[in-house]
Protein backbone atom coordinates (compact mmCIF):
# COMPACT_ATOMS: atom_id res chain seq x y z
CA MET A 1 -25.87 1.69 -1.81
CA SER A 2 -22.35 1.44 -3.20
CA HIS A 3 -21.50 -1.45 -5.52
CA PHE A 4 -17.96 -1.59 -4.09
CA LYS A 5 -17.03 -4.30 -1.62
CA HIS A 6 -14.74 -1.96 0.37
CA LYS A 7 -14.40 1.79 0.76
CA TYR A 8 -10.61 1.58 0.37
CA THR A 9 -8.21 -0.75 -1.35
CA ILE A 10 -4.57 -0.31 -0.48
CA LEU A 11 -2.69 -1.71 -3.45
CA VAL A 12 0.89 -2.84 -2.80
CA PRO A 13 2.77 -3.90 -5.94
CA THR A 14 5.98 -5.75 -5.05
CA HIS A 15 9.00 -7.41 -6.62
CA GLN A 16 11.96 -8.96 -4.79
CA ARG A 17 11.38 -7.02 -1.53
CA GLY A 18 10.06 -9.62 0.89
CA ALA A 19 11.89 -8.33 3.96
CA LEU A 20 10.59 -4.79 3.51
CA LEU A 21 7.12 -5.97 2.53
CA ARG A 22 6.65 -7.77 5.86
CA GLU A 23 6.94 -4.48 7.78
CA THR A 24 4.65 -2.66 5.35
CA LEU A 25 1.91 -5.27 5.81
CA ARG A 26 2.29 -5.32 9.59
CA GLY A 27 1.74 -1.57 9.64
CA LEU A 28 -1.20 -1.62 7.23
CA LEU A 29 -3.03 -4.14 9.40
CA LEU A 30 -2.95 -1.62 12.27
CA GLN A 31 -5.40 0.69 10.49
CA GLU A 32 -8.13 2.02 12.78
CA HIS A 33 -10.74 1.55 10.06
CA ASP A 34 -13.14 -1.28 9.33
CA ASN A 35 -13.80 -0.94 5.60
CA TYR A 36 -10.61 -1.64 3.67
CA GLN A 37 -8.68 -4.36 1.96
CA ILE A 38 -5.01 -4.74 1.15
CA VAL A 39 -4.15 -6.19 -2.25
CA VAL A 40 -0.54 -7.32 -2.61
CA SER A 41 0.53 -8.07 -6.15
CA ASN A 42 3.71 -10.13 -6.34
CA ASN A 43 5.46 -9.53 -9.66
CA TYR A 44 7.18 -12.94 -10.02
CA SER A 45 9.57 -12.46 -7.10
CA GLN A 46 12.29 -15.07 -6.66
CA ASP A 47 13.38 -14.00 -3.16
CA GLU A 48 11.56 -14.59 0.14
CA THR A 49 8.48 -12.60 -0.97
CA ARG A 50 6.26 -15.70 -1.39
CA LYS A 51 7.26 -16.93 2.07
CA VAL A 52 6.44 -13.53 3.61
CA LEU A 53 3.08 -13.45 1.81
CA SER A 54 2.25 -16.94 3.06
CA GLU A 55 2.33 -15.48 6.60
CA TYR A 56 -0.69 -13.34 5.65
CA ALA A 57 -2.64 -15.96 3.69
CA GLY A 58 -5.29 -16.37 6.40
CA GLU A 59 -5.76 -12.64 7.04
CA PRO A 60 -9.21 -11.67 5.65
CA ARG A 61 -8.15 -8.07 4.92
CA VAL A 62 -5.26 -9.21 2.72
CA LYS A 63 -5.73 -10.42 -0.85
CA ILE A 64 -2.58 -11.88 -2.43
CA ILE A 65 -2.14 -12.21 -6.18
CA HIS A 66 0.86 -13.40 -8.21
CA THR A 67 1.90 -12.86 -11.80
CA ASP A 68 2.94 -15.93 -13.80
CA ARG A 69 5.98 -14.13 -15.26
CA LYS A 70 7.95 -10.92 -14.69
CA LEU A 71 5.95 -7.93 -15.94
CA SER A 72 7.08 -4.39 -16.65
CA MET A 73 6.02 -1.90 -13.98
CA PRO A 74 3.13 -0.37 -15.99
CA VAL A 75 1.81 -3.80 -17.03
CA HIS A 76 2.13 -5.07 -13.45
CA TRP A 77 0.19 -2.10 -12.09
CA GLU A 78 -2.56 -2.69 -14.68
CA PHE A 79 -2.68 -6.37 -13.69
CA ALA A 80 -2.91 -5.43 -10.00
CA MET A 81 -5.62 -2.79 -10.58
CA GLY A 82 -7.80 -5.52 -12.06
CA HIS A 83 -8.06 -7.11 -8.59
CA VAL A 84 -9.16 -4.19 -6.42
CA GLU A 85 -12.61 -4.03 -4.84
CA GLY A 86 -12.49 -0.59 -3.26
CA GLU A 87 -14.22 2.65 -4.13
CA TYR A 88 -10.95 4.49 -3.43
CA ILE A 89 -7.56 3.08 -4.35
CA ILE A 90 -4.33 3.91 -2.56
CA ILE A 91 -1.13 2.73 -4.23
CA LEU A 92 1.55 2.18 -1.62
CA GLY A 93 5.14 1.11 -2.11
CA ASP A 94 6.24 -2.22 -0.71
CA ASP A 95 8.65 -0.41 1.62
CA ASP A 96 6.16 2.25 2.81
CA GLY A 97 4.09 2.71 5.92
CA VAL A 98 1.17 4.86 7.03
CA ARG A 99 -0.18 6.07 10.35
CA PRO A 100 -2.85 3.88 12.01
CA ASP A 101 -5.39 6.68 11.48
CA PHE A 102 -4.52 7.22 7.80
CA LEU A 103 -7.83 5.94 6.38
CA SER A 104 -9.86 7.75 9.04
CA ILE A 105 -8.14 10.99 8.06
CA LEU A 106 -8.92 10.28 4.39
CA ASP A 107 -12.59 9.84 5.38
CA ILE A 108 -12.58 13.38 6.80
CA VAL A 109 -10.80 14.88 3.78
CA ILE A 110 -13.19 13.19 1.34
CA GLU A 111 -16.25 14.23 3.35
CA HIS A 112 -15.20 17.88 3.49
CA THR A 113 -13.84 18.24 -0.05
CA SER A 114 -15.54 15.60 -2.23
CA ALA A 115 -12.05 14.99 -3.64
CA ASN A 116 -11.56 12.33 -6.28
CA LEU A 117 -7.76 12.46 -6.22
CA ILE A 118 -5.57 13.30 -3.26
CA LYS A 119 -1.80 13.62 -3.09
CA PHE A 120 0.05 14.56 0.03
CA LYS A 121 3.43 15.42 1.45
CA THR A 122 5.41 12.33 2.25
CA GLY A 123 7.42 11.84 5.41
CA LEU A 124 10.30 9.49 4.80
CA TYR A 125 11.50 7.29 7.65
CA TYR A 126 14.45 5.02 7.03
CA HIS A 127 14.15 2.11 9.46
CA PRO A 128 17.15 0.88 11.48
CA ASP A 129 18.07 -1.85 9.00
CA TRP A 130 17.92 0.41 5.92
CA VAL A 131 20.74 -0.28 3.46
CA ASP A 132 22.56 3.08 3.45
CA ASN A 133 23.58 5.87 5.82
CA LYS A 134 20.05 7.30 6.08
CA ARG A 135 19.04 4.47 8.46
CA ASN A 136 16.92 5.50 11.44
CA THR A 137 16.29 9.03 10.10
CA PHE A 138 13.15 10.94 9.12
CA GLU A 139 12.67 13.65 6.47
CA PHE A 140 9.87 15.23 4.45
CA ASP A 141 9.71 14.89 0.69
CA ASP A 142 8.96 18.42 -0.56
CA ARG A 143 8.13 17.24 -4.10
CA CYS A 144 4.49 16.62 -3.09
CA SER A 145 2.10 19.52 -2.62
CA ASN A 146 -0.72 18.48 -0.26
CA ARG A 147 -3.34 19.20 -2.92
CA TYR A 148 -6.63 17.45 -3.58
CA PHE A 149 -8.70 17.36 -6.76
């Protein structure tokens, strides 16, 4: 029996990106999986981030933590990692999204490969209210290699 509370923790560090974070959380809650948590770590945001997070306060799959001062990115990530309860950790940007079957696909990859670390090609979609001329477009990021370790 595993000593982890969840199979997956999706860790979402955020700072000053409340509007984008709302869409990320909406998408994450559509996962077709029953053994995951979402940990959102708010790095002392002074915009609408706290208000957006309050919308998810009663959601049992979402754990919300706040720093008491602005932390550097590495220190913030270390702080956030101290609050995960999953056997596998996925770090996701506060403006990112995943397919509803993302965790189910990871189950298959892990079962067939026994991978401890997975990185994958990223498809980039710029939603209609994106801030520059890439809005409402999709592209692949070729810097990732689809490898597992």
